Structures are given as structure tokens and as C-alpha cells.
């Protein structure tokens, strides 16, 4: 059985001192960059989609975002197991190919239904390549350099997710919303070509097993029903009984998912992973932060265009300074984590992110004042994201053995996506309509602050060994 480990020179052994791991890193990261951009680029395109499909309601359009995120989240976990068992290079390349084909289909979609279906396929491709990419990177680097590599991998994803709305605003305004998807094609082709020619497989002891279809369906129903109930909460077409039924279906499906995972031989999520207290705390923190992160970026564009009446390109430019802080902050945070562990970085970053939400809650008014009222909060948000987002990814895999890199990372990434679904659903409910005032954003920013503080509180329980000497997980 083979799983991929990479060396940029085919004849070189794993971790060869003659072969630099960085070409492998960048091959994997190009694809992850595109996937992360696609998770947020449509925040900026929401208004354009509303104009392109006038018959669709905001709740309908929210599923262009949430269908991708729900399927991505539920597919990440089996994709991690597939990568560990069947070959990380093989699964990575299959994911990139599917992602690119679906991106083209999204751009050509002539209806909301077709667009949502293409987004589902795109999510499957994204799920296949994401955990495989981190496993590839972990295999390529020696233990003493993995913390910095993982931090930079997380920073690339965080930066892409952060610049997705600002990049998307310019693309959508000048080229139209289909180009939010077509832009994936050239960069994805580069990753596919170099991945096929430069990456290699390497053996691990992971066991092949089937995909837990029942577990996937239960999780999709649980998350999808909850998101639907939130987005339709103020719809005149849904009664309280119907909304309560959706909520109940979500709760029953989630309880069924847990019960199934405890009894089936090869569950979608191995609940034994969560016997590790630190791993459990990291994933709960990831859930909270994923929701806050989605709320923040959706709200940034909604506020600038809806309250301050910026044009879409101007809003994209106005948001840019925050994302620019992510990568340098993540690199510094990674070096601190290499010496002191992830907990101090995570707790400090959560407090900074809470401060960003508090600033946005209290300072910006109804009239534009970018330099004094907006920019400081934006800088705080970039610093917080740079400290928290990649560190959560690193802390999740810090204690796992190599055979569980992909599945352990996949559970963590899936948890973040599930948080994002809830964040998008709440944001669409509160500020998804056309006529916006400052008052509409106050509950959203209170939630942002609360979720950031919850993230920090959970991270107090994170106990990671020094990242240069990973210990076996308790799973």
C-alpha cells in the first residue's frame, strides 16, 4: 500500500539532505490557495449574483456559498483517510483535476440550481486535495522544520481566504461573476502539471478502508438543516413549525451521526481522536473561530457597500490591508510556537481578534472615515487571523503520528468549514438584505466578539508538545 511522500528530485530519498522540500511545499500550496480563495471569494460576489439571478432570494443564494462549504466539510474527513491509505499524490492530483473541471462548470452556469450543483462537485475536488497537501508537506520536511512549514501552509490558506473577497470584488466588477471561478484555471493547471511531474509516493502503514457513506449523509443533513433553519428564520414563506422541524432534524441527524460513529467499524470520524483533550479543545476552538472568521469578512463588504456606499472595487481595496498582515504575522507566530508551543499564540491571537470585533462594534459610524474608524480595526483583524488560523492547523496535528496526518488535519479543517457554514447563515440572516443600516451590524459584531473570546478560552486547554518533537496521539 502506498501513500505519497514527496521529494522534488525523483531519485532522492524522503527527507534527503540534498533535496530542498520547498518546491514540494509550493506545488501543494498553489492548489490550497485556490481552494481557500473559493471559500470566501463569493462574499464579494453576493450582490452581483443577486443581480444576475433576480428571481433568487438571499437565502437561495446563500447556498451557492453553503452548499460548497457543507460538502467540503463532510468530504474532507474521508478524503484524509483516502489520502493516507491510497496515496497522497494520487488523491491530490485527482482533487486538483476535479476542482478545475467544476470551476469551469461554475463559470458557465446559467441558473442558481446549476451553479449550486457545480459548487458541490467543486467542493469534492477541494476536499480531496486539501488534507493530501498538508500530508505531502509534513512528509517532505524534517521534524525540526515542520512547525514553520505548517504555519506557512496555514498562512497561505488564511491569506487566500482573507484576500478572496478583495480580489473577488475587482474580478467581479470588471469581468463579471463567472471570472471568480475562471481565475482558478491557469494557477490550478500549474499545480497539476508540476504535481504530476515532481511529486512522489512513499509508503506508510495506513490501512485502506471504505468511505462511510452513512456518516457523511448524516453529517450533511445535520449541518445543512441547521444552516437552512438559520437562513430562512425571517422568511415569510417558512412557518415557525417548519423552522422548528428543520432544527429538530438537524439535532436528530447529529445525534445519529455520533451514535453511528461509535458503533460502525470504519466511521467517518474516529471519535477516539477526541479522547485527546488538547485535540478536542483545538477543534472546538476551530469551530468557534471558523464562524467568527466568516462573519467578519462577509460583514466587512456588506458594511462598506451597504452603509458607506463604497463601490465594489473600492470596498475590495479598503479591505486589503487586513489580509496583508496575515502571512508575516503567521511566520512570526510559527517561530514563537516552535519555542513555546501553540497555546500563547492562540490565546493572544483570539484576544486581538476579539478587539477587532469590539472596534468595529463601537467605532465606525454611518459616514465614511476610513483612516480613523476603519483601518485600525482591519489591522487588528489581520493580526488576529495571522496568529490564530494557521496555529489552529498546527496545534491539531502537533501530536499525531505520521499515519494520521491527513485524517487528523481533515477533521480540523472540516470543523472550521462547519463553523463557516453557521457564520455565513447567521450573517445572511442579519445583513443579507439590500437596505442596510449600522444598527443591522451590531448583533453581528457582538457575536464576533463572543466567539473570539470563546476561541481564546478553549485554547487555554491546548497542551501541545514542543513541535520539534511530536508525540503520538492518544487516539
Protein backbone atom coordinates (compact mmCIF):
# COMPACT_ATOMS: atom_id res chain seq x y z
CA UNK A 1 0.00 0.00 0.00
CA UNK A 2 1.31 3.41 -0.79
CA UNK A 3 0.72 6.91 0.42
CA UNK A 4 2.53 9.86 -1.02
CA UNK A 5 5.59 11.44 0.27
CA UNK A 6 7.38 13.85 -1.92
CA UNK A 7 10.83 14.75 -2.96
CA UNK A 8 11.43 17.28 -5.70
CA UNK A 9 14.25 15.19 -7.22
CA UNK A 10 12.87 11.74 -8.11
CA UNK A 11 15.94 9.78 -7.08
CA UNK A 12 16.24 11.43 -3.69
CA UNK A 13 15.03 9.55 -0.56
CA UNK A 14 12.49 11.03 1.82
CA UNK A 15 13.96 13.91 3.84
CA UNK A 16 17.16 13.75 1.80
CA UNK A 17 19.55 16.46 2.89
CA UNK A 18 20.39 17.10 -0.78
CA UNK A 19 16.80 17.85 -1.78
CA UNK A 20 15.03 21.03 -0.70
CA UNK A 21 11.42 20.44 0.40
CA UNK A 22 10.31 23.91 -0.67
CA UNK A 23 9.40 23.08 -4.31
CA UNK A 24 7.09 20.41 -2.91
CA UNK A 25 5.64 22.96 -0.50
CA UNK A 26 4.77 25.45 -3.23
CA UNK A 27 3.27 22.83 -5.55
CA UNK A 28 0.89 21.78 -2.77
CA UNK A 29 0.18 25.34 -1.65
CA UNK A 30 -0.88 26.66 -5.07
CA UNK A 31 -3.88 24.33 -5.04
CA UNK A 32 -4.69 25.09 -1.39
CA UNK A 33 -4.50 28.80 -2.19
CA UNK A 34 -7.20 28.39 -4.85
CA UNK A 35 -9.42 26.29 -2.60
CA UNK A 36 -9.18 28.82 0.21
CA UNK A 37 -9.93 31.73 -2.11
CA UNK A 38 -13.04 29.93 -3.34
CA UNK A 39 -14.31 29.56 0.20
CA UNK A 40 -14.65 33.36 0.55
CA UNK A 41 -14.48 34.97 -2.92
CA UNK A 42 -18.25 34.91 -3.27
CA UNK A 43 -18.66 37.10 -0.20
CA UNK A 44 -17.82 39.96 -2.57
CA UNK A 45 -19.89 38.50 -5.43
CA UNK A 46 -23.09 38.14 -3.40
CA UNK A 47 -24.53 41.40 -4.73
CA UNK A 48 -23.56 40.54 -8.31
CA UNK A 49 -25.24 37.14 -8.00
CA UNK A 50 -28.36 38.83 -6.67
CA UNK A 51 -28.45 40.98 -9.83
CA UNK A 52 -27.59 38.08 -12.15
CA UNK A 53 -30.34 35.87 -10.69
CA UNK A 54 -33.09 38.32 -9.64
CA UNK A 55 -35.65 35.57 -9.03
CA UNK A 56 -33.47 34.01 -6.31
CA UNK A 57 -33.86 35.09 -2.67
CA UNK A 58 -30.83 35.91 -0.46
CA UNK A 59 -31.44 32.61 1.35
CA UNK A 60 -31.34 30.76 -2.00
CA UNK A 61 -28.10 32.49 -2.97
CA UNK A 62 -26.55 31.67 0.40
CA UNK A 63 -26.48 28.05 -0.79
CA UNK A 64 -24.01 28.98 -3.51
CA UNK A 65 -21.66 29.52 -0.55
CA UNK A 66 -23.04 26.98 1.90
CA UNK A 67 -23.53 24.01 -0.46
CA UNK A 68 -19.80 24.23 -1.20
CA UNK A 69 -18.88 24.57 2.44
CA UNK A 70 -21.14 21.77 3.76
CA UNK A 71 -19.97 19.25 1.17
CA UNK A 72 -16.35 20.37 1.52
CA UNK A 73 -16.50 19.90 5.28
CA UNK A 74 -18.09 16.45 5.17
CA UNK A 75 -15.85 15.21 2.35
CA UNK A 76 -12.63 16.42 3.98
CA UNK A 77 -12.61 13.66 6.56
CA UNK A 78 -12.99 10.63 4.25
CA UNK A 79 -10.63 12.38 1.83
CA UNK A 80 -7.99 12.46 4.56
CA UNK A 81 -8.35 8.73 5.08
CA UNK A 82 -8.24 8.10 1.33
CA UNK A 83 -5.03 10.11 1.04
CA UNK A 84 -3.36 8.23 3.89
CA UNK A 85 -4.41 4.84 2.54
CA UNK A 86 -4.38 5.17 -1.25
CA UNK A 87 -1.62 7.66 -1.95
CA UNK A 88 -1.39 11.35 -1.18
CA UNK A 89 -0.05 12.28 -4.60
CA UNK A 90 -2.77 10.28 -6.34
CA UNK A 91 -5.58 11.81 -4.27
CA UNK A 92 -4.05 15.30 -4.52
CA UNK A 93 -3.92 15.18 -8.33
CA UNK A 94 -7.43 13.75 -8.57
CA UNK A 95 -8.70 16.56 -6.36
CA UNK A 96 -6.99 19.29 -8.40
CA UNK A 97 -8.39 17.86 -11.65
CA UNK A 98 -11.95 17.69 -10.31
CA UNK A 99 -11.69 21.16 -8.77
CA UNK A 100 -10.61 22.72 -12.07
CA UNK A 101 -13.32 20.99 -14.11
CA UNK A 102 -16.00 22.10 -11.64
CA UNK A 103 -14.63 25.67 -11.59
CA UNK A 104 -15.18 25.86 -15.35
CA UNK A 105 -18.71 24.48 -14.90
CA UNK A 106 -19.47 27.11 -12.22
CA UNK A 107 -18.48 29.92 -14.55
CA UNK A 108 -20.74 28.59 -17.31
CA UNK A 109 -23.76 28.02 -15.03
CA UNK A 110 -26.96 29.60 -16.35
CA UNK A 111 -29.09 29.18 -13.24
CA UNK A 112 -28.72 29.14 -9.48
CA UNK A 113 -29.52 25.42 -9.39
CA UNK A 114 -26.78 24.55 -11.87
CA UNK A 115 -24.33 26.83 -10.06
CA UNK A 116 -25.06 25.14 -6.73
CA UNK A 117 -24.63 21.68 -8.30
CA UNK A 118 -21.28 22.69 -9.83
CA UNK A 119 -20.21 24.09 -6.47
CA UNK A 120 -20.95 20.71 -4.88
CA UNK A 121 -18.62 18.99 -7.36
CA UNK A 122 -16.02 21.70 -6.84
CA UNK A 123 -16.21 21.05 -3.10
CA UNK A 124 -15.49 17.35 -3.60
CA UNK A 125 -12.33 18.20 -5.54
CA UNK A 126 -11.28 20.74 -2.91
CA UNK A 127 -11.82 18.19 -0.14
CA UNK A 128 -9.69 15.59 -1.89
CA UNK A 129 -6.69 17.86 -2.35
CA UNK A 130 -6.63 19.77 0.96
CA UNK A 131 -5.64 17.09 3.55
CA UNK A 132 -3.40 15.40 0.99
CA UNK A 133 -1.50 18.67 0.53
CA UNK A 134 -0.71 19.01 4.25
CA UNK A 135 0.37 15.38 4.46
CA UNK A 136 2.63 15.91 1.46
CA UNK A 137 4.23 18.90 3.17
CA UNK A 138 4.64 17.14 6.52
CA UNK A 139 6.33 14.21 4.77
CA UNK A 140 8.66 16.50 2.83
CA UNK A 141 10.05 18.39 5.83
CA UNK A 142 12.22 17.08 8.67
CA UNK A 143 10.65 17.22 12.13
CA UNK A 144 12.57 20.28 13.26
CA UNK A 145 11.22 22.36 10.35
CA UNK A 146 7.62 21.20 10.35
CA UNK A 147 6.26 23.90 12.66
CA UNK A 148 7.35 26.71 10.36
CA UNK A 149 6.16 24.79 7.29
CA UNK A 150 2.74 24.10 8.81
CA UNK A 151 2.42 27.72 9.93
CA UNK A 152 3.25 28.93 6.44
CA UNK A 153 0.82 26.39 4.91
CA UNK A 154 -1.89 27.69 7.23
CA UNK A 155 -0.88 31.27 6.44
CA UNK A 156 -1.22 30.64 2.70
CA UNK A 157 -4.73 29.29 3.25
CA UNK A 158 -5.59 32.10 5.66
CA UNK A 159 -4.23 34.76 3.30
CA UNK A 160 -6.15 33.29 0.37
CA UNK A 161 -9.38 33.16 2.37
CA UNK A 162 -8.74 36.71 3.55
CA UNK A 163 -7.96 38.20 0.14
CA UNK A 164 -10.74 36.23 -1.56
CA UNK A 165 -13.33 38.99 -1.03
CA UNK A 166 -10.98 41.84 -2.02
CA UNK A 167 -9.68 40.01 -5.09
CA UNK A 168 -13.18 38.88 -5.93
CA UNK A 169 -14.54 42.42 -5.77
CA UNK A 170 -12.24 43.60 -8.56
CA UNK A 171 -12.71 40.47 -10.68
CA UNK A 172 -16.49 40.56 -10.38
CA UNK A 173 -16.74 44.31 -11.03
CA UNK A 174 -14.53 44.36 -14.14
CA UNK A 175 -15.03 40.88 -15.62
CA UNK A 176 -18.30 39.57 -14.17
CA UNK A 177 -19.06 36.95 -11.55
CA UNK A 178 -18.11 33.90 -13.73
CA UNK A 179 -14.48 35.02 -13.59
CA UNK A 180 -14.46 34.42 -9.85
CA UNK A 181 -14.29 30.77 -10.96
CA UNK A 182 -12.38 31.01 -14.24
CA UNK A 183 -9.44 32.59 -12.39
CA UNK A 184 -8.76 29.15 -10.86
CA UNK A 185 -7.89 27.54 -14.18
CA UNK A 186 -4.38 28.85 -15.01
CA UNK A 187 -2.92 28.53 -11.50
CA UNK A 188 -4.59 25.17 -10.98
CA UNK A 189 -3.10 23.91 -14.22
CA UNK A 190 0.37 24.89 -12.97
CA UNK A 191 -0.14 22.93 -9.74
CA UNK A 192 -1.49 19.94 -11.66
CA UNK A 193 1.43 19.84 -14.10
CA UNK A 194 4.19 20.20 -11.54
CA UNK A 195 2.41 17.90 -9.11
CA UNK A 196 2.24 15.15 -11.73
CA UNK A 197 5.89 15.52 -12.72
CA UNK A 198 7.63 16.34 -9.41
CA UNK A 199 5.78 14.64 -6.56
CA UNK A 200 6.36 11.04 -5.49
CA UNK A 201 4.53 8.49 -3.40
CA UNK A 202 6.05 6.92 -0.27
CA UNK A 203 4.92 4.03 1.88
CA UNK A 204 3.19 4.40 5.23
CA UNK A 205 1.33 1.94 7.40
CA UNK A 206 -2.12 3.38 6.85
CA UNK A 207 -4.90 0.85 6.29
CA UNK A 208 -7.27 1.06 3.34
CA UNK A 209 -10.93 1.12 4.21
CA UNK A 210 -14.22 2.11 2.63
CA UNK A 211 -15.86 5.51 2.77
CA UNK A 212 -18.51 5.89 5.48
CA UNK A 213 -21.42 6.98 3.26
CA UNK A 214 -23.97 6.79 6.09
CA UNK A 215 -21.85 9.01 8.31
CA UNK A 216 -21.37 11.53 5.50
CA UNK A 217 -25.11 11.73 4.79
CA UNK A 218 -25.97 12.16 8.48
CA UNK A 219 -23.45 14.98 8.85
CA UNK A 220 -24.66 16.70 5.67
CA UNK A 221 -28.26 16.58 6.92
CA UNK A 222 -27.25 17.83 10.38
CA UNK A 223 -25.29 20.83 9.11
CA UNK A 224 -27.49 21.58 6.09
CA UNK A 225 -30.74 21.56 8.09
CA UNK A 226 -29.26 23.86 10.73
CA UNK A 227 -27.99 26.30 8.09
CA UNK A 228 -31.35 26.25 6.29
CA UNK A 229 -33.22 26.97 9.52
CA UNK A 230 -30.98 29.97 10.24
CA UNK A 231 -31.08 31.49 6.74
CA UNK A 232 -34.86 31.13 6.49
CA UNK A 233 -35.59 32.37 10.03
CA UNK A 234 -37.12 35.66 8.84
CA UNK A 235 -38.64 34.33 5.61
CA UNK A 236 -42.41 34.86 5.23
CA UNK A 237 -42.56 31.57 3.32
CA UNK A 238 -41.46 29.43 6.28
CA UNK A 239 -43.59 28.91 9.39
CA UNK A 240 -42.25 28.50 12.91
CA UNK A 241 -43.32 24.86 12.81
CA UNK A 242 -41.31 24.25 9.63
CA UNK A 243 -38.25 26.01 11.05
CA UNK A 244 -38.54 24.03 14.29
CA UNK A 245 -38.79 20.84 12.23
CA UNK A 246 -35.56 21.73 10.45
CA UNK A 247 -33.85 22.38 13.79
CA UNK A 248 -35.12 19.09 15.17
CA UNK A 249 -33.98 17.22 12.07
CA UNK A 250 -30.52 18.74 12.47
CA UNK A 251 -30.31 17.67 16.12
CA UNK A 252 -31.56 14.14 15.37
CA UNK A 253 -29.14 13.73 12.45
CA UNK A 254 -26.22 14.91 14.57
CA UNK A 255 -27.15 12.53 17.40
CA UNK A 256 -27.44 9.76 14.83
CA UNK A 257 -24.04 10.67 13.45
CA UNK A 258 -22.44 10.34 16.90
CA UNK A 259 -24.23 7.03 17.59
CA UNK A 260 -23.22 5.65 14.20
CA UNK A 261 -19.58 6.69 14.68
CA UNK A 262 -19.49 4.81 17.99
CA UNK A 263 -20.72 1.55 16.52
CA UNK A 264 -19.53 1.23 12.93
CA UNK A 265 -16.18 -0.39 12.15
CA UNK A 266 -14.80 2.42 9.96
CA UNK A 267 -16.62 5.67 10.86
CA UNK A 268 -16.32 8.97 9.03
CA UNK A 269 -14.79 10.43 12.21
CA UNK A 270 -12.86 8.23 14.61
CA UNK A 271 -14.20 9.54 17.91
CA UNK A 272 -11.12 8.13 19.67
CA UNK A 273 -9.21 11.12 18.29
CA UNK A 274 -11.18 13.28 20.69
CA UNK A 275 -10.03 11.34 23.76
CA UNK A 276 -7.03 13.65 23.50
CA UNK A 277 -8.15 16.72 25.47
CA UNK A 278 -5.92 19.08 23.53
CA UNK A 279 -7.19 17.83 20.17
CA UNK A 280 -10.80 18.26 21.34
CA UNK A 281 -10.10 21.80 22.56
CA UNK A 282 -8.40 22.75 19.28
CA UNK A 283 -11.36 21.54 17.24
CA UNK A 284 -13.96 23.30 19.38
CA UNK A 285 -11.89 26.46 19.11
CA UNK A 286 -11.69 25.96 15.34
CA UNK A 287 -15.48 25.68 15.14
CA UNK A 288 -15.94 28.97 17.01
CA UNK A 289 -13.23 30.79 15.08
CA UNK A 290 -14.49 29.49 11.72
CA UNK A 291 -17.88 31.08 12.42
CA UNK A 292 -16.34 34.37 13.57
CA UNK A 293 -13.99 34.48 10.56
CA UNK A 294 -16.87 34.06 8.08
CA UNK A 295 -18.96 36.67 9.88
CA UNK A 296 -16.12 39.18 9.83
CA UNK A 297 -15.39 39.06 6.11
CA UNK A 298 -18.99 38.91 4.97
CA UNK A 299 -19.76 41.87 7.25
CA UNK A 300 -16.78 43.93 6.02
CA UNK A 301 -18.09 44.04 2.47
CA UNK A 302 -21.71 44.40 3.48
CA UNK A 303 -20.87 47.40 5.68
CA UNK A 304 -18.64 49.17 3.18
CA UNK A 305 -21.05 48.78 0.27
CA UNK A 306 -24.34 48.92 2.17
CA UNK A 307 -23.71 51.58 4.84
CA UNK A 308 -20.80 53.64 3.47
CA UNK A 309 -21.91 53.06 -0.15
CA UNK A 310 -18.46 52.21 -1.48
CA UNK A 311 -18.25 50.72 -4.95
CA UNK A 312 -17.28 47.04 -5.00
CA UNK A 313 -13.67 47.68 -6.20
CA UNK A 314 -13.28 50.45 -3.60
CA UNK A 315 -14.52 48.08 -0.89
CA UNK A 316 -12.04 45.44 -2.06
CA UNK A 317 -9.19 47.93 -1.86
CA UNK A 318 -10.36 49.12 1.55
CA UNK A 319 -10.32 45.56 2.94
CA UNK A 320 -6.84 44.69 1.58
CA UNK A 321 -4.60 45.94 4.47
CA UNK A 322 -6.04 43.32 6.83
CA UNK A 323 -5.17 40.29 4.69
CA UNK A 324 -1.71 41.70 4.03
CA UNK A 325 -0.97 41.29 7.74
CA UNK A 326 -1.76 37.56 7.76
CA UNK A 327 1.39 35.97 6.30
CA UNK A 328 4.06 37.98 8.16
CA UNK A 329 2.12 37.57 11.39
CA UNK A 330 1.78 33.83 10.82
CA UNK A 331 5.52 33.45 10.21
CA UNK A 332 6.37 35.22 13.46
CA UNK A 333 3.67 33.25 15.29
CA UNK A 334 5.08 30.00 13.91
CA UNK A 335 8.53 30.78 15.26
CA UNK A 336 7.09 31.61 18.68
CA UNK A 337 5.09 28.37 18.64
CA UNK A 338 8.25 26.43 17.78
CA UNK A 339 9.80 27.66 21.03
CA UNK A 340 6.86 27.96 23.39
CA UNK A 341 4.06 25.82 21.98
CA UNK A 342 0.83 26.96 20.36
CA UNK A 343 -1.21 28.00 23.40
CA UNK A 344 0.24 31.50 24.00
CA UNK A 345 -0.06 32.36 20.31
CA UNK A 346 -3.65 31.09 20.10
CA UNK A 347 -4.86 32.85 23.23
CA UNK A 348 -3.19 36.16 22.33
CA UNK A 349 -4.48 36.00 18.76
CA UNK A 350 -8.02 35.31 19.94
CA UNK A 351 -7.94 38.37 22.18
CA UNK A 352 -6.63 40.50 19.31
CA UNK A 353 -9.41 39.22 17.06
CA UNK A 354 -11.98 39.99 19.77
CA UNK A 355 -10.53 43.51 19.97
CA UNK A 356 -11.05 43.86 16.21
CA UNK A 357 -14.71 42.94 16.60
CA UNK A 358 -15.11 45.34 19.52
CA UNK A 359 -13.57 48.14 17.46
CA UNK A 360 -15.99 47.51 14.60
CA UNK A 361 -18.86 47.39 17.09
CA UNK A 362 -18.07 50.72 18.74
CA UNK A 363 -16.16 52.97 16.34
CA UNK A 364 -17.29 53.09 12.67
CA UNK A 365 -20.30 55.32 12.12
CA UNK A 366 -22.74 55.85 9.29
CA UNK A 367 -20.46 58.30 7.45
CA UNK A 368 -17.18 57.13 5.85
CA UNK A 369 -14.00 57.79 7.85
CA UNK A 370 -11.64 55.11 6.61
CA UNK A 371 -8.27 56.03 8.15
CA UNK A 372 -9.52 56.75 11.65
CA UNK A 373 -12.58 54.48 12.01
CA UNK A 374 -11.96 51.51 9.75
CA UNK A 375 -8.25 50.87 9.20
CA UNK A 376 -7.27 50.21 12.86
CA UNK A 377 -9.94 47.54 13.25
CA UNK A 378 -8.91 45.98 9.96
CA UNK A 379 -5.26 45.78 11.06
CA UNK A 380 -6.31 44.14 14.33
CA UNK A 381 -8.35 41.56 12.42
CA UNK A 382 -5.37 40.71 10.17
CA UNK A 383 -3.09 40.27 13.17
CA UNK A 384 -5.64 38.06 14.91
CA UNK A 385 -6.24 35.86 11.87
CA UNK A 386 -2.48 35.52 11.28
CA UNK A 387 -1.95 34.29 14.84
CA UNK A 388 -4.98 32.01 15.18
CA UNK A 389 -5.83 30.42 11.85
CA UNK A 390 -2.51 28.70 10.99
CA UNK A 391 -1.80 27.93 14.64
CA UNK A 392 -5.07 26.02 14.95
CA UNK A 393 -3.99 23.86 11.99
CA UNK A 394 -0.57 23.29 13.52
CA UNK A 395 -1.86 22.53 17.01
CA UNK A 396 -4.33 19.99 15.61
CA UNK A 397 -1.59 17.82 14.05
CA UNK A 398 1.21 18.53 16.53
CA UNK A 399 0.72 15.30 18.46
CA UNK A 400 -0.39 12.97 15.68
CA UNK A 401 1.71 10.13 14.24
CA UNK A 402 2.52 10.32 10.51
CA UNK A 403 -0.13 7.76 9.54
CA UNK A 404 -2.85 10.10 10.91
CA UNK A 405 -1.59 13.40 9.49
CA UNK A 406 -4.19 13.62 6.74
CA UNK A 407 -7.24 12.41 8.65
CA UNK A 408 -6.38 14.44 11.77
CA UNK A 409 -5.88 17.56 9.69
CA UNK A 410 -9.04 16.82 7.70
CA UNK A 411 -11.18 16.68 10.85
CA UNK A 412 -9.78 20.05 11.92
CA UNK A 413 -10.27 21.67 8.51
CA UNK A 414 -13.79 20.21 8.28
CA UNK A 415 -14.62 21.66 11.70
CA UNK A 416 -13.54 25.11 10.51
CA UNK A 417 -15.76 24.77 7.44
CA UNK A 418 -18.74 23.75 9.57
CA UNK A 419 -18.17 26.86 11.64
CA UNK A 420 -18.07 28.88 8.43
CA UNK A 421 -21.44 27.48 7.35
CA UNK A 422 -23.00 28.69 10.59
CA UNK A 423 -21.23 32.05 10.28
CA UNK A 424 -22.48 32.61 6.73
CA UNK A 425 -26.01 31.54 7.67
CA UNK A 426 -26.17 33.99 10.58
CA UNK A 427 -24.65 36.80 8.51
CA UNK A 428 -27.11 36.30 5.63
CA UNK A 429 -29.95 36.36 8.14
CA UNK A 430 -28.79 39.62 9.73
CA UNK A 431 -27.31 41.63 6.83
CA UNK A 432 -28.20 39.72 3.65
CA UNK A 433 -30.96 42.13 2.58
CA UNK A 434 -30.50 45.13 0.29
CA UNK A 435 -31.21 48.15 2.54
CA UNK A 436 -28.69 48.17 5.41
CA UNK A 437 -28.10 50.49 8.36
CA UNK A 438 -25.39 50.49 11.02
CA UNK A 439 -27.83 49.03 13.54
CA UNK A 440 -28.15 45.86 11.47
CA UNK A 441 -24.49 45.04 12.17
CA UNK A 442 -24.49 45.42 15.95
CA UNK A 443 -25.72 41.88 16.77
CA UNK A 444 -23.23 40.50 14.26
CA UNK A 445 -20.27 42.24 15.88
CA UNK A 446 -21.39 41.18 19.36
CA UNK A 447 -21.33 37.59 18.11
CA UNK A 448 -17.89 38.16 16.57
CA UNK A 449 -16.52 39.32 19.93
CA UNK A 450 -18.19 36.49 21.86
CA UNK A 451 -16.93 33.79 19.50
CA UNK A 452 -13.39 35.18 19.57
CA UNK A 453 -13.41 35.10 23.38
CA UNK A 454 -14.78 31.54 23.32
CA UNK A 455 -11.91 30.60 20.99
CA UNK A 456 -9.37 32.03 23.42
CA UNK A 457 -10.96 30.33 26.42
CA UNK A 458 -10.90 26.94 24.68
CA UNK A 459 -7.28 27.44 23.66
CA UNK A 460 -6.29 27.71 27.32
CA UNK A 461 -6.73 23.93 27.40
CA UNK A 462 -4.42 23.30 24.44
CA UNK A 463 -1.35 21.36 25.54
CA UNK A 464 1.00 20.64 22.66
CA UNK A 465 4.45 19.17 22.99
CA UNK A 466 7.30 21.13 21.52
CA UNK A 467 6.53 20.92 17.80
CA UNK A 468 10.07 19.76 17.01
CA UNK A 469 9.37 16.52 18.88
CA UNK A 470 5.84 15.35 18.13
CA UNK A 471 4.35 12.79 20.39
CA UNK A 472 1.95 10.04 19.45
CA UNK A 473 -1.68 10.99 19.66
CA UNK A 474 -3.81 9.39 22.33
CA UNK A 475 -6.29 8.37 19.73
